Amino acid sequence: MKTMNNAVKRVSLAAIFATAVVGMAIASPSKASEIENDTLAQHTAQLNEQVMQNEQQYELKLEKKLTQQVAKAESQYVAQICQQYDLPYDNETSTCRR
């Protein structure tokens, strides 16, 4: 959770707030009815699920971007080696040709 975008942060804060509200409702049952408690618990569960999904989507997005960056760097490195040894570079296979 080191690198979260604003949407994920907002949903995380909403989930924390909802959890706190449920905690307060449970702590003072005279003020909150059983139906309200159930509704708040369901809402909290939904928000927690949404937070998990958003975090997974964000991690997948970052992983895809990193994979592309690594592939590009590897390709450039191999192209440099090919150039050092005066070998033609094949873009499709990212290898030197003889």
Protein backbone atom coordinates (compact mmCIF):
# COMPACT_ATOMS: atom_id res chain seq x y z
CA MET A 1 0.00 0.00 0.00
CA LYS A 2 3.02 2.28 -0.38
CA THR A 3 1.96 3.59 -3.75
CA MET A 4 -1.79 4.22 -3.88
CA ASN A 5 -3.62 6.62 -6.11
CA ASN A 6 -6.17 9.08 -4.71
CA ALA A 7 -9.19 6.92 -5.53
CA VAL A 8 -7.77 3.98 -3.59
CA LYS A 9 -6.95 6.27 -0.68
CA ARG A 10 -10.50 7.67 -0.63
CA VAL A 11 -12.03 4.21 -0.68
CA SER A 12 -9.62 3.09 2.06
CA LEU A 13 -10.57 6.06 4.21
CA ALA A 14 -14.25 5.38 3.58
CA ALA A 15 -13.80 1.77 4.67
CA ILE A 16 -12.00 2.87 7.83
CA PHE A 17 -14.75 5.41 8.57
CA ALA A 18 -17.47 2.82 7.99
CA THR A 19 -15.67 0.38 10.28
CA ALA A 20 -15.46 3.05 12.98
CA VAL A 21 -19.18 3.82 12.60
CA VAL A 22 -20.02 0.13 12.93
CA GLY A 23 -17.80 -0.07 16.01
CA MET A 24 -19.57 2.88 17.61
CA ALA A 25 -22.97 1.45 16.73
CA ILE A 26 -22.06 -1.88 18.32
CA ALA A 27 -20.69 -0.13 21.41
CA SER A 28 -23.96 1.74 21.99
CA PRO A 29 -26.75 -0.68 21.10
CA SER A 30 -29.36 1.50 22.81
CA LYS A 31 -28.86 4.17 20.12
CA ALA A 32 -28.53 1.93 17.06
CA SER A 33 -31.08 -0.61 16.03
CA GLU A 34 -30.21 -4.09 14.85
CA ILE A 35 -31.23 -3.20 11.28
CA GLU A 36 -28.86 -0.22 11.24
CA ASN A 37 -26.05 -2.41 12.54
CA ASP A 38 -26.67 -4.96 9.80
CA THR A 39 -26.79 -2.24 7.15
CA LEU A 40 -23.56 -0.68 8.39
CA ALA A 41 -21.86 -4.07 8.57
CA GLN A 42 -22.92 -4.87 5.01
CA HIS A 43 -21.73 -1.48 3.79
CA THR A 44 -18.41 -1.94 5.57
CA ALA A 45 -17.97 -5.37 4.00
CA GLN A 46 -18.74 -3.94 0.57
CA LEU A 47 -16.27 -1.10 1.04
CA ASN A 48 -13.57 -3.47 2.25
CA GLU A 49 -14.14 -5.67 -0.81
CA GLN A 50 -13.95 -2.61 -3.07
CA VAL A 51 -10.68 -1.54 -1.42
CA MET A 52 -9.19 -4.99 -2.02
CA GLN A 53 -10.28 -4.97 -5.66
CA ASN A 54 -8.91 -1.47 -6.23
CA GLU A 55 -5.58 -2.40 -4.66
CA GLN A 56 -5.35 -5.55 -6.80
CA GLN A 57 -6.15 -3.60 -9.97
CA TYR A 58 -3.58 -0.96 -9.10
CA GLU A 59 -0.91 -3.58 -8.35
CA LEU A 60 -1.62 -5.34 -11.65
CA LYS A 61 -1.35 -2.04 -13.49
CA LEU A 62 2.00 -1.30 -11.83
CA GLU A 63 3.24 -4.83 -12.49
CA LYS A 64 2.32 -4.56 -16.19
CA LYS A 65 4.08 -1.20 -16.47
CA LEU A 66 7.19 -2.55 -14.74
CA THR A 67 7.24 -5.62 -16.98
CA GLN A 68 7.11 -3.39 -20.06
CA GLN A 69 9.91 -1.21 -18.73
CA VAL A 70 12.10 -4.24 -17.98
CA ALA A 71 11.46 -5.71 -21.44
CA LYS A 72 12.39 -2.41 -23.07
CA ALA A 73 15.58 -2.10 -20.99
CA GLU A 74 16.59 -5.69 -21.80
CA SER A 75 15.98 -5.09 -25.49
CA GLN A 76 18.10 -1.93 -25.45
CA TYR A 77 20.88 -3.75 -23.60
CA VAL A 78 20.94 -6.59 -26.11
CA ALA A 79 20.90 -4.09 -28.98
CA GLN A 80 23.95 -2.38 -27.45
CA ILE A 81 25.82 -5.68 -27.23
CA CYS A 82 24.95 -6.48 -30.85
CA GLN A 83 26.26 -3.07 -31.88
CA GLN A 84 29.53 -3.59 -29.95
CA TYR A 85 30.19 -6.79 -31.89
CA ASP A 86 28.96 -5.40 -35.22
CA LEU A 87 26.08 -7.87 -35.35
CA PRO A 88 22.64 -6.99 -36.72
CA TYR A 89 19.89 -6.75 -34.13
CA ASP A 90 16.54 -8.51 -34.61
CA ASN A 91 13.68 -6.45 -33.10
CA GLU A 92 11.16 -9.30 -33.23
CA THR A 93 13.24 -11.72 -31.17
CA SER A 94 15.41 -9.16 -29.33
CA THR A 95 18.54 -11.06 -30.31
CA CYS A 96 21.66 -10.59 -32.38
CA ARG A 97 21.75 -12.20 -35.82
CA ARG A 98 24.85 -13.67 -37.36
